[in-house]
C-alpha atoms as a PDB file:
ATOM      1  CA  UNK A   1      25.806 -14.044  28.059  1.00  0.00           C
ATOM      2  CA  UNK A   2      29.372 -15.439  28.562  1.00  0.00           C
ATOM      3  CA  UNK A   3      30.553 -18.305  26.605  1.00  0.00           C
ATOM      4  CA  UNK A   4      34.082 -19.911  28.119  1.00  0.00           C
ATOM      5  CA  UNK A   5      36.344 -19.220  26.282  1.00  0.00           C
ATOM      6  CA  UNK A   6      33.617 -17.544  23.068  1.00  0.00           C
ATOM      7  CA  UNK A   7      34.058 -14.104  22.363  1.00  0.00           C
ATOM      8  CA  UNK A   8      31.012 -12.324  22.259  1.00  0.00           C
ATOM      9  CA  UNK A   9      28.676 -13.253  18.867  1.00  0.00           C
ATOM     10  CA  UNK A  10      30.266 -16.949  18.895  1.00  0.00           C
ATOM     11  CA  UNK A  11      27.695 -18.923  18.380  1.00  0.00           C
ATOM     12  CA  UNK A  12      25.300 -16.109  16.071  1.00  0.00           C
ATOM     13  CA  UNK A  13      28.474 -15.935  13.768  1.00  0.00           C
ATOM     14  CA  UNK A  14      28.366 -19.840  13.960  1.00  0.00           C
ATOM     15  CA  UNK A  15      25.049 -20.197  12.533  1.00  0.00           C
ATOM     16  CA  UNK A  16      25.199 -17.232  10.316  1.00  0.00           C
ATOM     17  CA  UNK A  17      28.292 -19.485   8.760  1.00  0.00           C
ATOM     18  CA  UNK A  18      26.394 -23.182   9.150  1.00  0.00           C
ATOM     19  CA  UNK A  19      23.604 -20.418   6.782  1.00  0.00           C
ATOM     20  CA  UNK A  20      25.363 -19.516   4.557  1.00  0.00           C
ATOM     21  CA  UNK A  21      27.636 -22.377   3.740  1.00  0.00           C
ATOM     22  CA  UNK A  22      23.924 -24.204   2.693  1.00  0.00           C
ATOM     23  CA  UNK A  23      22.779 -21.625   0.563  1.00  0.00           C
ATOM     24  CA  UNK A  24      26.076 -22.162  -1.106  1.00  0.00           C
ATOM     25  CA  UNK A  25      26.245 -25.496  -1.347  1.00  0.00           C
ATOM     26  CA  UNK A  26      22.211 -25.193  -2.469  1.00  0.00           C
ATOM     27  CA  UNK A  27      24.037 -22.883  -4.932  1.00  0.00           C
ATOM     28  CA  UNK A  28      26.046 -25.501  -6.217  1.00  0.00           C
ATOM     29  CA  UNK A  29      23.859 -27.656  -6.808  1.00  0.00           C
ATOM     30  CA  UNK A  30      23.783 -28.731 -10.864  1.00  0.00           C
ATOM     31  CA  UNK A  31      20.270 -27.784 -11.993  1.00  0.00           C
ATOM     32  CA  UNK A  32      19.391 -28.207 -16.735  1.00  0.00           C
ATOM     33  CA  UNK A  33      20.999 -25.785 -18.640  1.00  0.00           C
ATOM     34  CA  UNK A  34      20.462 -26.463 -22.375  1.00  0.00           C
ATOM     35  CA  UNK A  35      17.092 -27.653 -24.872  1.00  0.00           C
ATOM     36  CA  UNK A  36      14.405 -29.346 -22.452  1.00  0.00           C
ATOM     37  CA  UNK A  37      14.534 -33.044 -23.949  1.00  0.00           C
ATOM     38  CA  UNK A  38      10.233 -34.090 -24.836  1.00  0.00           C
ATOM     39  CA  UNK A  39      10.825 -37.006 -23.663  1.00  0.00           C
ATOM     40  CA  UNK A  40      11.924 -38.619 -19.636  1.00  0.00           C
ATOM     41  CA  UNK A  41      15.089 -39.838 -20.430  1.00  0.00           C
ATOM     42  CA  UNK A  42      15.062 -42.729 -18.136  1.00  0.00           C
ATOM     43  CA  UNK A  43      10.789 -43.839 -18.916  1.00  0.00           C
ATOM     44  CA  UNK A  44      10.486 -42.562 -23.003  1.00  0.00           C
ATOM     45  CA  UNK A  45       6.774 -40.830 -21.225  1.00  0.00           C
ATOM     46  CA  UNK A  46       5.648 -37.083 -22.748  1.00  0.00           C
ATOM     47  CA  UNK A  47       7.499 -34.746 -20.880  1.00  0.00           C
ATOM     48  CA  UNK A  48       4.067 -31.929 -21.228  1.00  0.00           C
ATOM     49  CA  UNK A  49       4.814 -28.347 -22.757  1.00  0.00           C
ATOM     50  CA  UNK A  50       4.367 -26.501 -19.673  1.00  0.00           C
ATOM     51  CA  UNK A  51       7.587 -28.722 -17.670  1.00  0.00           C
ATOM     52  CA  UNK A  52       9.618 -28.359 -20.412  1.00  0.00           C
ATOM     53  CA  UNK A  53       8.853 -23.953 -20.192  1.00  0.00           C
ATOM     54  CA  UNK A  54       9.476 -23.326 -16.878  1.00  0.00           C
ATOM     55  CA  UNK A  55      12.275 -26.436 -16.449  1.00  0.00           C
ATOM     56  CA  UNK A  56      14.594 -25.059 -18.881  1.00  0.00           C
ATOM     57  CA  UNK A  57      16.433 -27.973 -19.578  1.00  0.00           C
ATOM     58  CA  UNK A  58      14.657 -30.770 -18.097  1.00  0.00           C
ATOM     59  CA  UNK A  59      15.126 -34.334 -18.648  1.00  0.00           C
ATOM     60  CA  UNK A  60      12.752 -36.342 -16.463  1.00  0.00           C
ATOM     61  CA  UNK A  61       9.144 -36.632 -15.653  1.00  0.00           C
ATOM     62  CA  UNK A  62       7.667 -35.527 -12.504  1.00  0.00           C
ATOM     63  CA  UNK A  63       6.812 -39.318 -11.996  1.00  0.00           C
ATOM     64  CA  UNK A  64      10.592 -40.211 -11.943  1.00  0.00           C
ATOM     65  CA  UNK A  65      12.191 -37.024 -10.643  1.00  0.00           C
ATOM     66  CA  UNK A  66       9.464 -38.346  -7.822  1.00  0.00           C
ATOM     67  CA  UNK A  67      11.195 -41.480  -7.616  1.00  0.00           C
ATOM     68  CA  UNK A  68      14.422 -39.702  -7.612  1.00  0.00           C
ATOM     69  CA  UNK A  69      13.687 -37.956  -4.685  1.00  0.00           C
ATOM     70  CA  UNK A  70      12.396 -40.689  -2.176  1.00  0.00           C
ATOM     71  CA  UNK A  71      16.223 -41.948  -2.913  1.00  0.00           C
ATOM     72  CA  UNK A  72      17.750 -39.191  -2.021  1.00  0.00           C
ATOM     73  CA  UNK A  73      19.551 -39.504   1.305  1.00  0.00           C
ATOM     74  CA  UNK A  74      20.063 -36.787   4.342  1.00  0.00           C
ATOM     75  CA  UNK A  75      23.743 -36.033   4.734  1.00  0.00           C
ATOM     76  CA  UNK A  76      25.483 -35.288   8.024  1.00  0.00           C
ATOM     77  CA  UNK A  77      26.132 -32.057   9.689  1.00  0.00           C
ATOM     78  CA  UNK A  78      28.932 -30.241  10.384  1.00  0.00           C
ATOM     79  CA  UNK A  79      29.997 -30.451  13.718  1.00  0.00           C
ATOM     80  CA  UNK A  80      31.721 -26.803  14.376  1.00  0.00           C
ATOM     81  CA  UNK A  81      31.698 -27.159  18.021  1.00  0.00           C
ATOM     82  CA  UNK A  82      34.148 -30.092  18.018  1.00  0.00           C
ATOM     83  CA  UNK A  83      32.194 -30.796  21.825  1.00  0.00           C
ATOM     84  CA  UNK A  84      32.937 -34.871  22.667  1.00  0.00           C
ATOM     85  CA  UNK A  85      28.767 -35.235  22.941  1.00  0.00           C
ATOM     86  CA  UNK A  86      27.797 -33.692  19.644  1.00  0.00           C
ATOM     87  CA  UNK A  87      30.747 -36.444  18.210  1.00  0.00           C
ATOM     88  CA  UNK A  88      28.791 -39.013  19.493  1.00  0.00           C
ATOM     89  CA  UNK A  89      25.285 -38.754  18.173  1.00  0.00           C
END
């Protein structure tokens, strides 16, 4: 498929680069380490033993994590093409 000034396979390379960037961002995300707390750091409710064993270093109970996840805001994507149409969205 002709891509104008782009070389053959440029679209596939762009998609692969986007996927690799996102995977690197997810891997770099902070994960709990160390010893798990027996009680939640926010609400002081007991954290079940099964959760502490499943997630080493856990600091929050399931309810507090769920509440924190609700407040998460998705970040904007990266405009690799730089086209005027994609910048206006």
